[in-house]
C-alpha atoms as a PDB file:
ATOM      1  CA  UNK A   1      13.042  19.937   8.205  1.00  0.00           C
ATOM      2  CA  UNK A   2      14.196  19.328   4.671  1.00  0.00           C
ATOM      3  CA  UNK A   3      12.976  16.071   3.121  1.00  0.00           C
ATOM      4  CA  UNK A   4      16.442  15.470   1.657  1.00  0.00           C
ATOM      5  CA  UNK A   5      18.244  15.695   4.962  1.00  0.00           C
ATOM      6  CA  UNK A   6      21.467  13.717   5.352  1.00  0.00           C
ATOM      7  CA  UNK A   7      21.260  10.368   7.138  1.00  0.00           C
ATOM      8  CA  UNK A   8      22.917  11.781  10.247  1.00  0.00           C
ATOM      9  CA  UNK A   9      19.915  14.055  10.901  1.00  0.00           C
ATOM     10  CA  UNK A  10      17.223  11.411  10.484  1.00  0.00           C
ATOM     11  CA  UNK A  11      16.054   9.994  13.786  1.00  0.00           C
ATOM     12  CA  UNK A  12      14.270   6.674  13.604  1.00  0.00           C
ATOM     13  CA  UNK A  13      12.741   5.146  16.725  1.00  0.00           C
ATOM     14  CA  UNK A  14      14.171   1.700  17.387  1.00  0.00           C
ATOM     15  CA  UNK A  15      10.765   0.097  18.061  1.00  0.00           C
ATOM     16  CA  UNK A  16       9.624   0.548  14.438  1.00  0.00           C
ATOM     17  CA  UNK A  17      10.700  -2.101  11.944  1.00  0.00           C
ATOM     18  CA  UNK A  18      11.428  -0.961   8.392  1.00  0.00           C
ATOM     19  CA  UNK A  19       9.152  -2.512   5.794  1.00  0.00           C
ATOM     20  CA  UNK A  20      10.020  -0.450   2.722  1.00  0.00           C
ATOM     21  CA  UNK A  21      13.602  -0.674   1.440  1.00  0.00           C
ATOM     22  CA  UNK A  22      15.671   2.487   1.334  1.00  0.00           C
ATOM     23  CA  UNK A  23      16.954   4.016  -1.872  1.00  0.00           C
ATOM     24  CA  UNK A  24      19.904   2.326  -3.499  1.00  0.00           C
ATOM     25  CA  UNK A  25      22.087   5.456  -3.208  1.00  0.00           C
ATOM     26  CA  UNK A  26      21.539   5.797   0.542  1.00  0.00           C
ATOM     27  CA  UNK A  27      24.738   5.929   2.584  1.00  0.00           C
ATOM     28  CA  UNK A  28      23.483   3.709   5.379  1.00  0.00           C
ATOM     29  CA  UNK A  29      21.349   0.837   4.096  1.00  0.00           C
ATOM     30  CA  UNK A  30      18.293  -0.043   6.175  1.00  0.00           C
ATOM     31  CA  UNK A  31      17.607  -3.703   6.885  1.00  0.00           C
ATOM     32  CA  UNK A  32      14.044  -4.708   6.015  1.00  0.00           C
ATOM     33  CA  UNK A  33      11.928  -7.841   5.873  1.00  0.00           C
ATOM     34  CA  UNK A  34      11.644  -8.759   2.197  1.00  0.00           C
ATOM     35  CA  UNK A  35       8.654 -11.104   2.621  1.00  0.00           C
ATOM     36  CA  UNK A  36       6.724  -8.504   4.606  1.00  0.00           C
ATOM     37  CA  UNK A  37       7.504  -5.902   1.944  1.00  0.00           C
ATOM     38  CA  UNK A  38       6.122  -8.176  -0.792  1.00  0.00           C
ATOM     39  CA  UNK A  39       2.892  -8.675   1.164  1.00  0.00           C
ATOM     40  CA  UNK A  40       2.535  -4.949   1.810  1.00  0.00           C
ATOM     41  CA  UNK A  41       3.170  -4.140  -1.842  1.00  0.00           C
ATOM     42  CA  UNK A  42       0.548  -6.658  -2.971  1.00  0.00           C
ATOM     43  CA  UNK A  43      -2.069  -5.110  -0.666  1.00  0.00           C
ATOM     44  CA  UNK A  44      -1.224  -1.569  -1.823  1.00  0.00           C
ATOM     45  CA  UNK A  45      -1.576  -2.615  -5.464  1.00  0.00           C
ATOM     46  CA  UNK A  46      -4.937  -4.221  -4.739  1.00  0.00           C
ATOM     47  CA  UNK A  47      -6.225  -0.993  -3.191  1.00  0.00           C
ATOM     48  CA  UNK A  48      -4.879   0.912  -6.180  1.00  0.00           C
ATOM     49  CA  UNK A  49      -6.932  -1.302  -8.484  1.00  0.00           C
ATOM     50  CA  UNK A  50      -9.988  -0.971  -6.254  1.00  0.00           C
ATOM     51  CA  UNK A  51      -9.780   2.823  -6.223  1.00  0.00           C
ATOM     52  CA  UNK A  52     -10.428   2.865  -9.964  1.00  0.00           C
ATOM     53  CA  UNK A  53     -14.027   2.304  -8.889  1.00  0.00           C
ATOM     54  CA  UNK A  54     -15.343   5.809  -8.171  1.00  0.00           C
ATOM     55  CA  UNK A  55     -17.638   4.786  -5.314  1.00  0.00           C
ATOM     56  CA  UNK A  56     -14.714   3.350  -3.383  1.00  0.00           C
ATOM     57  CA  UNK A  57     -12.273   6.167  -4.131  1.00  0.00           C
ATOM     58  CA  UNK A  58     -14.679   8.868  -2.932  1.00  0.00           C
ATOM     59  CA  UNK A  59     -16.555   6.740  -0.373  1.00  0.00           C
ATOM     60  CA  UNK A  60     -20.090   7.864  -1.171  1.00  0.00           C
ATOM     61  CA  UNK A  61     -21.602   5.296   1.186  1.00  0.00           C
ATOM     62  CA  UNK A  62     -22.023   6.563   4.718  1.00  0.00           C
ATOM     63  CA  UNK A  63     -22.583   3.215   6.371  1.00  0.00           C
ATOM     64  CA  UNK A  64     -19.687   0.829   6.848  1.00  0.00           C
ATOM     65  CA  UNK A  65     -21.745  -2.138   5.616  1.00  0.00           C
ATOM     66  CA  UNK A  66     -22.614  -0.378   2.354  1.00  0.00           C
ATOM     67  CA  UNK A  67     -18.986   0.575   1.801  1.00  0.00           C
ATOM     68  CA  UNK A  68     -17.827  -2.963   2.528  1.00  0.00           C
ATOM     69  CA  UNK A  69     -20.401  -4.263   0.052  1.00  0.00           C
ATOM     70  CA  UNK A  70     -18.961  -1.959  -2.640  1.00  0.00           C
ATOM     71  CA  UNK A  71     -15.461  -3.193  -1.808  1.00  0.00           C
ATOM     72  CA  UNK A  72     -16.666  -6.787  -2.226  1.00  0.00           C
ATOM     73  CA  UNK A  73     -18.302  -5.960  -5.567  1.00  0.00           C
ATOM     74  CA  UNK A  74     -15.215  -4.166  -6.870  1.00  0.00           C
ATOM     75  CA  UNK A  75     -12.976  -7.008  -5.718  1.00  0.00           C
ATOM     76  CA  UNK A  76     -15.186  -9.572  -7.463  1.00  0.00           C
ATOM     77  CA  UNK A  77     -15.154  -7.512 -10.680  1.00  0.00           C
ATOM     78  CA  UNK A  78     -11.356  -7.248 -10.539  1.00  0.00           C
ATOM     79  CA  UNK A  79     -11.026 -10.981  -9.840  1.00  0.00           C
ATOM     80  CA  UNK A  80     -13.333 -11.880 -12.741  1.00  0.00           C
ATOM     81  CA  UNK A  81     -11.339  -9.658 -15.085  1.00  0.00           C
ATOM     82  CA  UNK A  82      -8.142 -11.361 -13.918  1.00  0.00           C
ATOM     83  CA  UNK A  83      -9.562 -14.901 -14.270  1.00  0.00           C
ATOM     84  CA  UNK A  84     -10.872 -14.286 -17.796  1.00  0.00           C
ATOM     85  CA  UNK A  85      -7.573 -12.728 -18.895  1.00  0.00           C
ATOM     86  CA  UNK A  86      -5.649 -15.932 -18.139  1.00  0.00           C
END
């Protein structure tokens, strides 16, 4: 199926709630929860910042505890950089 299919061909199950807003030029606007979208966007941006750290982006650690420790370290480094910038 073409990714630029007209709205009439897109089938969306009714159980799924939209979180990301549709494009502004879309014929039929999708209703979405703005607060939930802001929270989701904030989390995605945080993971984007964390993935700058090579060990997290490639997941060298095989154990979940080691990986979680690297996530904590990267988060602390990002937080410290943010605190000192203000």
